């Protein structure tokens, strides 16, 4: 199994555990869009308690890739995603987290 497939499988397991339905093609698209960062242990995980990281996700992903506006309730969107993936889950996989964000925004098809 390739490293990419291993990361996707881990994301699928995480989404299944949280009972989040997903489209595997779109999930693979999200993972692919993150490039080589998914192969680095630190960048693979989202530190939801780190304000600087959440601000980067707002700027780079929600505004930059998903087309949200700064006036949108970005903190609410992020908070809902954290709850969905499990606030106590210390291993929030970035592709799974970003998939949940795209799903909330109705933009999963962007990754198909």
PDB file of N, CA and C in Angstrom:
ATOM      1  N   UNK A   1       0.847  -1.170   0.000  1.00  0.00           N
ATOM      2  CA  UNK A   1       0.000   0.000   0.000  1.00  0.00           C
ATOM      3  C   UNK A   1       0.900   1.243   0.000  1.00  0.00           C
ATOM      4  N   UNK A   2       0.529   2.231  -0.795  1.00  0.00           N
ATOM      5  CA  UNK A   2       1.316   3.456  -0.870  1.00  0.00           C
ATOM      6  C   UNK A   2       1.097   4.305   0.385  1.00  0.00           C
ATOM      7  N   UNK A   3       2.007   5.246   0.611  1.00  0.00           N
ATOM      8  CA  UNK A   3       1.865   6.151   1.757  1.00  0.00           C
ATOM      9  C   UNK A   3       0.575   6.967   1.621  1.00  0.00           C
ATOM     10  N   UNK A   4       0.272   7.381   0.391  1.00  0.00           N
ATOM     11  CA  UNK A   4      -0.949   8.149   0.158  1.00  0.00           C
ATOM     12  C   UNK A   4      -2.177   7.338   0.557  1.00  0.00           C
ATOM     13  N   UNK A   5      -2.236   6.091   0.096  1.00  0.00           N
ATOM     14  CA  UNK A   5      -3.379   5.224   0.432  1.00  0.00           C
ATOM     15  C   UNK A   5      -3.472   4.985   1.942  1.00  0.00           C
ATOM     16  N   UNK A   6      -2.317   4.890   2.590  1.00  0.00           N
ATOM     17  CA  UNK A   6      -2.308   4.710   4.037  1.00  0.00           C
ATOM     18  C   UNK A   6      -2.938   5.924   4.737  1.00  0.00           C
ATOM     19  N   UNK A   7      -2.592   7.128   4.307  1.00  0.00           N
ATOM     20  CA  UNK A   7      -3.162   8.344   4.902  1.00  0.00           C
ATOM     21  C   UNK A   7      -4.666   8.385   4.656  1.00  0.00           C
ATOM     22  N   UNK A   8      -5.085   8.086   3.433  1.00  0.00           N
ATOM     23  CA  UNK A   8      -6.517   8.094   3.109  1.00  0.00           C
ATOM     24  C   UNK A   8      -7.261   7.063   3.956  1.00  0.00           C
ATOM     25  N   UNK A   9      -6.681   5.888   4.122  1.00  0.00           N
ATOM     26  CA  UNK A   9      -7.318   4.860   4.954  1.00  0.00           C
ATOM     27  C   UNK A   9      -7.455   5.318   6.405  1.00  0.00           C
ATOM     28  N   UNK A  10      -6.446   5.982   6.916  1.00  0.00           N
ATOM     29  CA  UNK A  10      -6.519   6.511   8.283  1.00  0.00           C
ATOM     30  C   UNK A  10      -7.628   7.548   8.397  1.00  0.00           C
ATOM     31  N   UNK A  11      -7.768   8.381   7.368  1.00  0.00           N
ATOM     32  CA  UNK A  11      -8.840   9.398   7.360  1.00  0.00           C
ATOM     33  C   UNK A  11     -10.211   8.725   7.305  1.00  0.00           C
ATOM     34  N   UNK A  12     -10.335   7.702   6.484  1.00  0.00           N
ATOM     35  CA  UNK A  12     -11.606   6.984   6.390  1.00  0.00           C
ATOM     36  C   UNK A  12     -11.976   6.376   7.739  1.00  0.00           C
ATOM     37  N   UNK A  13     -10.999   5.800   8.414  1.00  0.00           N
ATOM     38  CA  UNK A  13     -11.235   5.223   9.733  1.00  0.00           C
ATOM     39  C   UNK A  13     -11.694   6.306  10.707  1.00  0.00           C
ATOM     40  N   UNK A  14     -11.043   7.457  10.665  1.00  0.00           N
ATOM     41  CA  UNK A  14     -11.414   8.548  11.568  1.00  0.00           C
ATOM     42  C   UNK A  14     -12.830   9.048  11.276  1.00  0.00           C
ATOM     43  N   UNK A  15     -13.163   9.214  10.005  1.00  0.00           N
ATOM     44  CA  UNK A  15     -14.505   9.669   9.640  1.00  0.00           C
ATOM     45  C   UNK A  15     -15.556   8.618  10.000  1.00  0.00           C
ATOM     46  N   UNK A  16     -15.246   7.347   9.776  1.00  0.00           N
ATOM     47  CA  UNK A  16     -16.171   6.273  10.150  1.00  0.00           C
ATOM     48  C   UNK A  16     -16.426   6.283  11.656  1.00  0.00           C
ATOM     49  N   UNK A  17     -15.369   6.455  12.427  1.00  0.00           N
ATOM     50  CA  UNK A  17     -15.490   6.453  13.887  1.00  0.00           C
ATOM     51  C   UNK A  17     -16.419   7.574  14.355  1.00  0.00           C
ATOM     52  N   UNK A  18     -16.384   8.704  13.671  1.00  0.00           N
ATOM     53  CA  UNK A  18     -17.233   9.838  14.046  1.00  0.00           C
ATOM     54  C   UNK A  18     -18.582   9.815  13.318  1.00  0.00           C
ATOM     55  N   UNK A  19     -18.812   8.737  12.559  1.00  0.00           N
ATOM     56  CA  UNK A  19     -20.062   8.555  11.817  1.00  0.00           C
ATOM     57  C   UNK A  19     -20.320   9.694  10.824  1.00  0.00           C
ATOM     58  N   UNK A  20     -19.234  10.116  10.165  1.00  0.00           N
ATOM     59  CA  UNK A  20     -19.317  11.139   9.126  1.00  0.00           C
ATOM     60  C   UNK A  20     -19.357  10.413   7.784  1.00  0.00           C
ATOM     61  N   UNK A  21     -20.415  10.627   7.023  1.00  0.00           N
ATOM     62  CA  UNK A  21     -20.466  10.011   5.694  1.00  0.00           C
ATOM     63  C   UNK A  21     -19.510  10.778   4.779  1.00  0.00           C
ATOM     64  N   UNK A  22     -18.927  10.071   3.844  1.00  0.00           N
ATOM     65  CA  UNK A  22     -17.956  10.715   2.954  1.00  0.00           C
ATOM     66  C   UNK A  22     -17.966  10.051   1.588  1.00  0.00           C
ATOM     67  N   UNK A  23     -17.502  10.802   0.620  1.00  0.00           N
ATOM     68  CA  UNK A  23     -17.299  10.314  -0.732  1.00  0.00           C
ATOM     69  C   UNK A  23     -15.795  10.064  -0.860  1.00  0.00           C
ATOM     70  N   UNK A  24     -15.413   8.827  -1.095  1.00  0.00           N
ATOM     71  CA  UNK A  24     -13.990   8.487  -1.103  1.00  0.00           C
ATOM     72  C   UNK A  24     -13.216   9.250  -2.176  1.00  0.00           C
ATOM     73  N   UNK A  25     -13.816   9.460  -3.338  1.00  0.00           N
ATOM     74  CA  UNK A  25     -13.138  10.205  -4.397  1.00  0.00           C
ATOM     75  C   UNK A  25     -12.838  11.628  -3.943  1.00  0.00           C
ATOM     76  N   UNK A  26     -13.804  12.258  -3.298  1.00  0.00           N
ATOM     77  CA  UNK A  26     -13.603  13.621  -2.802  1.00  0.00           C
ATOM     78  C   UNK A  26     -12.582  13.639  -1.668  1.00  0.00           C
ATOM     79  N   UNK A  27     -12.635  12.654  -0.784  1.00  0.00           N
ATOM     80  CA  UNK A  27     -11.667  12.580   0.311  1.00  0.00           C
ATOM     81  C   UNK A  27     -10.257  12.443  -0.251  1.00  0.00           C
ATOM     82  N   UNK A  28     -10.096  11.611  -1.266  1.00  0.00           N
ATOM     83  CA  UNK A  28      -8.795  11.457  -1.913  1.00  0.00           C
ATOM     84  C   UNK A  28      -8.373  12.780  -2.560  1.00  0.00           C
ATOM     85  N   UNK A  29      -9.334  13.508  -3.114  1.00  0.00           N
ATOM     86  CA  UNK A  29      -9.042  14.806  -3.722  1.00  0.00           C
ATOM     87  C   UNK A  29      -8.554  15.814  -2.691  1.00  0.00           C
ATOM     88  N   UNK A  30      -9.186  15.822  -1.525  1.00  0.00           N
ATOM     89  CA  UNK A  30      -8.753  16.713  -0.446  1.00  0.00           C
ATOM     90  C   UNK A  30      -7.324  16.360  -0.045  1.00  0.00           C
ATOM     91  N   UNK A  31      -7.070  15.074   0.159  1.00  0.00           N
ATOM     92  CA  UNK A  31      -5.728  14.638   0.567  1.00  0.00           C
ATOM     93  C   UNK A  31      -4.697  15.015  -0.491  1.00  0.00           C
ATOM     94  N   UNK A  32      -5.033  14.814  -1.747  1.00  0.00           N
ATOM     95  CA  UNK A  32      -4.111  15.145  -2.842  1.00  0.00           C
ATOM     96  C   UNK A  32      -3.819  16.642  -2.881  1.00  0.00           C
ATOM     97  N   UNK A  33      -4.839  17.456  -2.602  1.00  0.00           N
ATOM     98  CA  UNK A  33      -4.659  18.910  -2.657  1.00  0.00           C
ATOM     99  C   UNK A  33      -3.715  19.417  -1.570  1.00  0.00           C
ATOM    100  N   UNK A  34      -3.512  18.629  -0.534  1.00  0.00           N
ATOM    101  CA  UNK A  34      -2.621  19.031   0.557  1.00  0.00           C
ATOM    102  C   UNK A  34      -1.161  18.732   0.247  1.00  0.00           C
ATOM    103  N   UNK A  35      -0.918  18.031  -0.848  1.00  0.00           N
ATOM    104  CA  UNK A  35       0.450  17.780  -1.290  1.00  0.00           C
ATOM    105  C   UNK A  35       1.266  16.967  -0.308  1.00  0.00           C
ATOM    106  N   UNK A  36       2.572  17.180  -0.331  1.00  0.00           N
ATOM    107  CA  UNK A  36       3.465  16.368   0.507  1.00  0.00           C
ATOM    108  C   UNK A  36       3.319  16.615   2.004  1.00  0.00           C
ATOM    109  N   UNK A  37       2.566  17.626   2.394  1.00  0.00           N
ATOM    110  CA  UNK A  37       2.405  17.904   3.828  1.00  0.00           C
ATOM    111  C   UNK A  37       1.762  16.731   4.568  1.00  0.00           C
ATOM    112  N   UNK A  38       1.005  15.899   3.853  1.00  0.00           N
ATOM    113  CA  UNK A  38       0.332  14.781   4.526  1.00  0.00           C
ATOM    114  C   UNK A  38       1.293  13.661   4.908  1.00  0.00           C
ATOM    115  N   UNK A  39       2.542  13.748   4.453  1.00  0.00           N
ATOM    116  CA  UNK A  39       3.511  12.715   4.787  1.00  0.00           C
ATOM    117  C   UNK A  39       4.380  13.111   5.983  1.00  0.00           C
ATOM    118  N   UNK A  40       4.189  14.312   6.488  1.00  0.00           N
ATOM    119  CA  UNK A  40       4.922  14.794   7.652  1.00  0.00           C
ATOM    120  C   UNK A  40       4.006  14.682   8.859  1.00  0.00           C
ATOM    121  N   UNK A  41       4.464  14.026   9.893  1.00  0.00           N
ATOM    122  CA  UNK A  41       3.613  13.759  11.060  1.00  0.00           C
ATOM    123  C   UNK A  41       3.021  15.039  11.652  1.00  0.00           C
ATOM    124  N   UNK A  42       3.821  16.095  11.761  1.00  0.00           N
ATOM    125  CA  UNK A  42       3.325  17.338  12.359  1.00  0.00           C
ATOM    126  C   UNK A  42       2.296  18.030  11.471  1.00  0.00           C
ATOM    127  N   UNK A  43       2.565  18.114  10.186  1.00  0.00           N
ATOM    128  CA  UNK A  43       1.641  18.830   9.308  1.00  0.00           C
ATOM    129  C   UNK A  43       0.421  17.988   8.943  1.00  0.00           C
ATOM    130  N   UNK A  44       0.470  16.689   9.176  1.00  0.00           N
ATOM    131  CA  UNK A  44      -0.685  15.837   8.918  1.00  0.00           C
ATOM    132  C   UNK A  44      -1.795  16.081   9.934  1.00  0.00           C
ATOM    133  N   UNK A  45      -1.404  16.520  11.121  1.00  0.00           N
ATOM    134  CA  UNK A  45      -2.372  16.708  12.197  1.00  0.00           C
ATOM    135  C   UNK A  45      -2.759  18.173  12.357  1.00  0.00           C
ATOM    136  N   UNK A  46      -4.009  18.408  12.719  1.00  0.00           N
ATOM    137  CA  UNK A  46      -4.512  19.755  12.988  1.00  0.00           C
ATOM    138  C   UNK A  46      -4.497  19.974  14.495  1.00  0.00           C
ATOM    139  N   UNK A  47      -3.856  21.063  14.910  1.00  0.00           N
ATOM    140  CA  UNK A  47      -3.848  21.442  16.327  1.00  0.00           C
ATOM    141  C   UNK A  47      -4.974  22.447  16.534  1.00  0.00           C
ATOM    142  N   UNK A  48      -6.155  21.942  16.825  1.00  0.00           N
ATOM    143  CA  UNK A  48      -7.343  22.791  16.919  1.00  0.00           C
ATOM    144  C   UNK A  48      -7.266  23.776  18.081  1.00  0.00           C
ATOM    145  N   UNK A  49      -6.428  23.514  19.054  1.00  0.00           N
ATOM    146  CA  UNK A  49      -6.314  24.432  20.190  1.00  0.00           C
ATOM    147  C   UNK A  49      -5.299  25.544  19.935  1.00  0.00           C
ATOM    148  N   UNK A  50      -4.617  25.496  18.788  1.00  0.00           N
ATOM    149  CA  UNK A  50      -3.617  26.497  18.434  1.00  0.00           C
ATOM    150  C   UNK A  50      -4.274  27.581  17.584  1.00  0.00           C
ATOM    151  N   UNK A  51      -4.449  28.765  18.174  1.00  0.00           N
ATOM    152  CA  UNK A  51      -5.132  29.860  17.484  1.00  0.00           C
ATOM    153  C   UNK A  51      -4.443  30.222  16.170  1.00  0.00           C
ATOM    154  N   UNK A  52      -3.118  30.223  16.159  1.00  0.00           N
ATOM    155  CA  UNK A  52      -2.383  30.566  14.943  1.00  0.00           C
ATOM    156  C   UNK A  52      -2.697  29.574  13.819  1.00  0.00           C
ATOM    157  N   UNK A  53      -2.774  28.305  14.165  1.00  0.00           N
ATOM    158  CA  UNK A  53      -3.088  27.302  13.141  1.00  0.00           C
ATOM    159  C   UNK A  53      -4.521  27.464  12.633  1.00  0.00           C
ATOM    160  N   UNK A  54      -5.433  27.713  13.531  1.00  0.00           N
ATOM    161  CA  UNK A  54      -6.828  27.895  13.109  1.00  0.00           C
ATOM    162  C   UNK A  54      -6.969  29.152  12.242  1.00  0.00           C
ATOM    163  N   UNK A  55      -6.195  30.193  12.543  1.00  0.00           N
ATOM    164  CA  UNK A  55      -6.203  31.400  11.713  1.00  0.00           C
ATOM    165  C   UNK A  55      -5.665  31.097  10.312  1.00  0.00           C
ATOM    166  N   UNK A  56      -4.632  30.247  10.236  1.00  0.00           N
ATOM    167  CA  UNK A  56      -4.088  29.839   8.929  1.00  0.00           C
ATOM    168  C   UNK A  56      -5.127  29.065   8.128  1.00  0.00           C
ATOM    169  N   UNK A  57      -5.851  28.179   8.802  1.00  0.00           N
ATOM    170  CA  UNK A  57      -6.890  27.403   8.124  1.00  0.00           C
ATOM    171  C   UNK A  57      -7.977  28.338   7.606  1.00  0.00           C
ATOM    172  N   UNK A  58      -8.341  29.319   8.409  1.00  0.00           N
ATOM    173  CA  UNK A  58      -9.336  30.313   7.956  1.00  0.00           C
ATOM    174  C   UNK A  58      -8.859  31.007   6.689  1.00  0.00           C
ATOM    175  N   UNK A  59      -7.632  31.527   6.737  1.00  0.00           N
ATOM    176  CA  UNK A  59      -7.096  32.312   5.625  1.00  0.00           C
ATOM    177  C   UNK A  59      -6.815  31.460   4.396  1.00  0.00           C
ATOM    178  N   UNK A  60      -6.082  30.384   4.588  1.00  0.00           N
ATOM    179  CA  UNK A  60      -5.620  29.598   3.440  1.00  0.00           C
ATOM    180  C   UNK A  60      -6.673  28.653   2.876  1.00  0.00           C
ATOM    181  N   UNK A  61      -7.457  28.037   3.743  1.00  0.00           N
ATOM    182  CA  UNK A  61      -8.411  27.051   3.250  1.00  0.00           C
ATOM    183  C   UNK A  61      -9.811  27.636   3.091  1.00  0.00           C
ATOM    184  N   UNK A  62     -10.359  28.160   4.177  1.00  0.00           N
ATOM    185  CA  UNK A  62     -11.749  28.636   4.095  1.00  0.00           C
ATOM    186  C   UNK A  62     -11.895  29.821   3.142  1.00  0.00           C
ATOM    187  N   UNK A  63     -11.011  30.797   3.254  1.00  0.00           N
ATOM    188  CA  UNK A  63     -11.104  31.971   2.383  1.00  0.00           C
ATOM    189  C   UNK A  63     -10.426  31.691   1.041  1.00  0.00           C
ATOM    190  N   UNK A  64      -9.196  31.179   1.093  1.00  0.00           N
ATOM    191  CA  UNK A  64      -8.413  30.965  -0.124  1.00  0.00           C
ATOM    192  C   UNK A  64      -8.951  29.902  -1.062  1.00  0.00           C
ATOM    193  N   UNK A  65      -9.283  28.737  -0.530  1.00  0.00           N
ATOM    194  CA  UNK A  65      -9.722  27.629  -1.384  1.00  0.00           C
ATOM    195  C   UNK A  65     -11.233  27.471  -1.464  1.00  0.00           C
ATOM    196  N   UNK A  66     -11.917  27.713  -0.352  1.00  0.00           N
ATOM    197  CA  UNK A  66     -13.366  27.488  -0.326  1.00  0.00           C
ATOM    198  C   UNK A  66     -14.178  28.734  -0.696  1.00  0.00           C
ATOM    199  N   UNK A  67     -13.508  29.869  -0.818  1.00  0.00           N
ATOM    200  CA  UNK A  67     -14.197  31.082  -1.254  1.00  0.00           C
ATOM    201  C   UNK A  67     -15.059  31.754  -0.195  1.00  0.00           C
ATOM    202  N   UNK A  68     -14.827  31.443   1.061  1.00  0.00           N
ATOM    203  CA  UNK A  68     -15.565  32.122   2.129  1.00  0.00           C
ATOM    204  C   UNK A  68     -15.113  33.578   2.203  1.00  0.00           C
ATOM    205  N   UNK A  69     -15.944  34.382   2.800  1.00  0.00           N
ATOM    206  CA  UNK A  69     -15.611  35.785   3.014  1.00  0.00           C
ATOM    207  C   UNK A  69     -15.217  35.963   4.483  1.00  0.00           C
ATOM    208  N   UNK A  70     -14.316  36.910   4.756  1.00  0.00           N
ATOM    209  CA  UNK A  70     -13.928  37.142   6.148  1.00  0.00           C
ATOM    210  C   UNK A  70     -15.123  37.475   7.040  1.00  0.00           C
ATOM    211  N   UNK A  71     -16.184  37.985   6.453  1.00  0.00           N
ATOM    212  CA  UNK A  71     -17.371  38.336   7.238  1.00  0.00           C
ATOM    213  C   UNK A  71     -18.227  37.113   7.585  1.00  0.00           C
ATOM    214  N   UNK A  72     -17.961  35.964   6.943  1.00  0.00           N
ATOM    215  CA  UNK A  72     -18.693  34.737   7.273  1.00  0.00           C
ATOM    216  C   UNK A  72     -18.310  34.296   8.697  1.00  0.00           C
ATOM    217  N   UNK A  73     -19.128  33.462   9.288  1.00  0.00           N
ATOM    218  CA  UNK A  73     -18.847  32.968  10.642  1.00  0.00           C
ATOM    219  C   UNK A  73     -17.792  31.854  10.577  1.00  0.00           C
ATOM    220  N   UNK A  74     -16.565  32.240  10.281  1.00  0.00           N
ATOM    221  CA  UNK A  74     -15.496  31.263  10.112  1.00  0.00           C
ATOM    222  C   UNK A  74     -15.175  30.543  11.418  1.00  0.00           C
ATOM    223  N   UNK A  75     -15.226  31.258  12.522  1.00  0.00           N
ATOM    224  CA  UNK A  75     -14.977  30.607  13.812  1.00  0.00           C
ATOM    225  C   UNK A  75     -16.046  29.562  14.102  1.00  0.00           C
ATOM    226  N   UNK A  76     -17.281  29.860  13.758  1.00  0.00           N
ATOM    227  CA  UNK A  76     -18.369  28.905  13.950  1.00  0.00           C
ATOM    228  C   UNK A  76     -18.198  27.671  13.078  1.00  0.00           C
ATOM    229  N   UNK A  77     -17.766  27.880  11.834  1.00  0.00           N
ATOM    230  CA  UNK A  77     -17.527  26.769  10.908  1.00  0.00           C
ATOM    231  C   UNK A  77     -16.425  25.867  11.461  1.00  0.00           C
ATOM    232  N   UNK A  78     -15.336  26.479  11.909  1.00  0.00           N
ATOM    233  CA  UNK A  78     -14.228  25.700  12.484  1.00  0.00           C
ATOM    234  C   UNK A  78     -14.652  24.970  13.745  1.00  0.00           C
ATOM    235  N   UNK A  79     -15.398  25.639  14.596  1.00  0.00           N
ATOM    236  CA  UNK A  79     -15.846  25.035  15.850  1.00  0.00           C
ATOM    237  C   UNK A  79     -16.726  23.817  15.587  1.00  0.00           C
ATOM    238  N   UNK A  80     -17.609  23.934  14.614  1.00  0.00           N
ATOM    239  CA  UNK A  80     -18.485  22.811  14.271  1.00  0.00           C
ATOM    240  C   UNK A  80     -17.663  21.628  13.741  1.00  0.00           C
ATOM    241  N   UNK A  81     -16.640  21.921  12.936  1.00  0.00           N
ATOM    242  CA  UNK A  81     -15.781  20.854  12.408  1.00  0.00           C
ATOM    243  C   UNK A  81     -15.021  20.163  13.533  1.00  0.00           C
ATOM    244  N   UNK A  82     -14.548  20.944  14.507  1.00  0.00           N
ATOM    245  CA  UNK A  82     -13.835  20.371  15.656  1.00  0.00           C
ATOM    246  C   UNK A  82     -14.776  19.461  16.437  1.00  0.00           C
ATOM    247  N   UNK A  83     -16.000  19.888  16.638  1.00  0.00           N
ATOM    248  CA  UNK A  83     -16.980  19.053  17.347  1.00  0.00           C
ATOM    249  C   UNK A  83     -17.275  17.770  16.566  1.00  0.00           C
ATOM    250  N   UNK A  84     -17.395  17.903  15.252  1.00  0.00           N
ATOM    251  CA  UNK A  84     -17.708  16.744  14.404  1.00  0.00           C
ATOM    252  C   UNK A  84     -16.610  15.694  14.462  1.00  0.00           C
ATOM    253  N   UNK A  85     -15.366  16.130  14.382  1.00  0.00           N
ATOM    254  CA  UNK A  85     -14.247  15.181  14.371  1.00  0.00           C
ATOM    255  C   UNK A  85     -13.895  14.715  15.781  1.00  0.00           C
ATOM    256  N   UNK A  86     -14.415  15.414  16.777  1.00  0.00           N
ATOM    257  CA  UNK A  86     -14.198  15.024  18.166  1.00  0.00           C
ATOM    258  C   UNK A  86     -13.216  15.942  18.869  1.00  0.00           C
ATOM    259  N   UNK A  87     -13.745  16.803  19.712  1.00  0.00           N
ATOM    260  CA  UNK A  87     -12.895  17.776  20.410  1.00  0.00           C
ATOM    261  C   UNK A  87     -11.788  17.079  21.193  1.00  0.00           C
ATOM    262  N   UNK A  88     -12.086  15.939  21.800  1.00  0.00           N
ATOM    263  CA  UNK A  88     -11.078  15.246  22.613  1.00  0.00           C
ATOM    264  C   UNK A  88     -10.119  14.416  21.756  1.00  0.00           C
ATOM    265  N   UNK A  89     -10.397  14.304  20.481  1.00  0.00           N
ATOM    266  CA  UNK A  89      -9.525  13.565  19.572  1.00  0.00           C
ATOM    267  C   UNK A  89      -8.249  14.379  19.359  1.00  0.00           C
ATOM    268  N   UNK A  90      -7.133  13.881  19.845  1.00  0.00           N
ATOM    269  CA  UNK A  90      -5.874  14.620  19.722  1.00  0.00           C
ATOM    270  C   UNK A  90      -5.162  14.345  18.403  1.00  0.00           C
ATOM    271  N   UNK A  91      -5.702  13.472  17.593  1.00  0.00           N
ATOM    272  CA  UNK A  91      -5.086  13.114  16.311  1.00  0.00           C
ATOM    273  C   UNK A  91      -6.012  13.494  15.154  1.00  0.00           C
ATOM    274  N   UNK A  92      -6.357  14.757  15.057  1.00  0.00           N
ATOM    275  CA  UNK A  92      -7.249  15.218  13.988  1.00  0.00           C
ATOM    276  C   UNK A  92      -6.465  15.246  12.678  1.00  0.00           C
ATOM    277  N   UNK A  93      -6.768  14.314  11.806  1.00  0.00           N
ATOM    278  CA  UNK A  93      -6.053  14.226  10.542  1.00  0.00           C
ATOM    279  C   UNK A  93      -6.507  15.350   9.612  1.00  0.00           C
ATOM    280  N   UNK A  94      -5.544  16.078   9.068  1.00  0.00           N
ATOM    281  CA  UNK A  94      -5.840  17.257   8.258  1.00  0.00           C
ATOM    282  C   UNK A  94      -6.774  16.960   7.076  1.00  0.00           C
ATOM    283  N   UNK A  95      -6.536  15.908   6.281  1.00  0.00           N
ATOM    284  CA  UNK A  95      -7.469  15.667   5.175  1.00  0.00           C
ATOM    285  C   UNK A  95      -8.903  15.414   5.652  1.00  0.00           C
ATOM    286  N   UNK A  96      -9.065  14.691   6.746  1.00  0.00           N
ATOM    287  CA  UNK A  96     -10.407  14.430   7.280  1.00  0.00           C
ATOM    288  C   UNK A  96     -11.034  15.725   7.785  1.00  0.00           C
ATOM    289  N   UNK A  97     -10.253  16.547   8.471  1.00  0.00           N
ATOM    290  CA  UNK A  97     -10.744  17.817   8.999  1.00  0.00           C
ATOM    291  C   UNK A  97     -11.155  18.744   7.863  1.00  0.00           C
ATOM    292  N   UNK A  98     -10.327  18.850   6.838  1.00  0.00           N
ATOM    293  CA  UNK A  98     -10.647  19.706   5.693  1.00  0.00           C
ATOM    294  C   UNK A  98     -11.856  19.163   4.929  1.00  0.00           C
ATOM    295  N   UNK A  99     -11.980  17.843   4.862  1.00  0.00           N
ATOM    296  CA  UNK A  99     -13.151  17.249   4.217  1.00  0.00           C
ATOM    297  C   UNK A  99     -14.418  17.673   4.955  1.00  0.00           C
ATOM    298  N   UNK A 100     -14.385  17.615   6.270  1.00  0.00           N
ATOM    299  CA  UNK A 100     -15.545  18.024   7.067  1.00  0.00           C
ATOM    300  C   UNK A 100     -15.875  19.490   6.812  1.00  0.00           C
ATOM    301  N   UNK A 101     -14.853  20.331   6.734  1.00  0.00           N
ATOM    302  CA  UNK A 101     -15.087  21.751   6.445  1.00  0.00           C
ATOM    303  C   UNK A 101     -15.752  21.918   5.074  1.00  0.00           C
ATOM    304  N   UNK A 102     -15.215  21.239   4.064  1.00  0.00           N
ATOM    305  CA  UNK A 102     -15.793  21.328   2.718  1.00  0.00           C
ATOM    306  C   UNK A 102     -17.224  20.812   2.710  1.00  0.00           C
ATOM    307  N   UNK A 103     -17.474  19.753   3.457  1.00  0.00           N
ATOM    308  CA  UNK A 103     -18.811  19.176   3.552  1.00  0.00           C
ATOM    309  C   UNK A 103     -19.788  20.172   4.174  1.00  0.00           C
ATOM    310  N   UNK A 104     -19.368  20.836   5.239  1.00  0.00           N
ATOM    311  CA  UNK A 104     -20.218  21.838   5.888  1.00  0.00           C
ATOM    312  C   UNK A 104     -20.584  22.967   4.926  1.00  0.00           C
ATOM    313  N   UNK A 105     -19.644  23.322   4.069  1.00  0.00           N
ATOM    314  CA  UNK A 105     -19.852  24.432   3.134  1.00  0.00           C
ATOM    315  C   UNK A 105     -20.551  23.989   1.852  1.00  0.00           C
ATOM    316  N   UNK A 106     -20.834  22.697   1.737  1.00  0.00           N
ATOM    317  CA  UNK A 106     -21.482  22.181   0.533  1.00  0.00           C
ATOM    318  C   UNK A 106     -20.572  22.210  -0.684  1.00  0.00           C
ATOM    319  N   UNK A 107     -19.260  22.082  -0.459  1.00  0.00           N
ATOM    320  CA  UNK A 107     -18.296  22.191  -1.555  1.00  0.00           C
ATOM    321  C   UNK A 107     -17.445  20.933  -1.729  1.00  0.00           C
ATOM    322  N   UNK A 108     -17.961  19.800  -1.304  1.00  0.00           N
ATOM    323  CA  UNK A 108     -17.226  18.556  -1.458  1.00  0.00           C
ATOM    324  C   UNK A 108     -16.978  18.244  -2.929  1.00  0.00           C
ATOM    325  N   UNK A 109     -17.915  18.590  -3.797  1.00  0.00           N
ATOM    326  CA  UNK A 109     -17.769  18.299  -5.216  1.00  0.00           C
ATOM    327  C   UNK A 109     -16.582  19.013  -5.848  1.00  0.00           C
ATOM    328  N   UNK A 110     -16.046  20.016  -5.176  1.00  0.00           N
ATOM    329  CA  UNK A 110     -14.852  20.715  -5.644  1.00  0.00           C
ATOM    330  C   UNK A 110     -13.691  19.729  -5.775  1.00  0.00           C
ATOM    331  N   UNK A 111     -13.721  18.680  -4.995  1.00  0.00           N
ATOM    332  CA  UNK A 111     -12.607  17.730  -4.935  1.00  0.00           C
ATOM    333  C   UNK A 111     -12.857  16.444  -5.706  1.00  0.00           C
ATOM    334  N   UNK A 112     -13.932  16.358  -6.458  1.00  0.00           N
ATOM    335  CA  UNK A 112     -14.194  15.141  -7.238  1.00  0.00           C
ATOM    336  C   UNK A 112     -13.523  15.218  -8.587  1.00  0.00           C
TER     337      UNK A 112
END
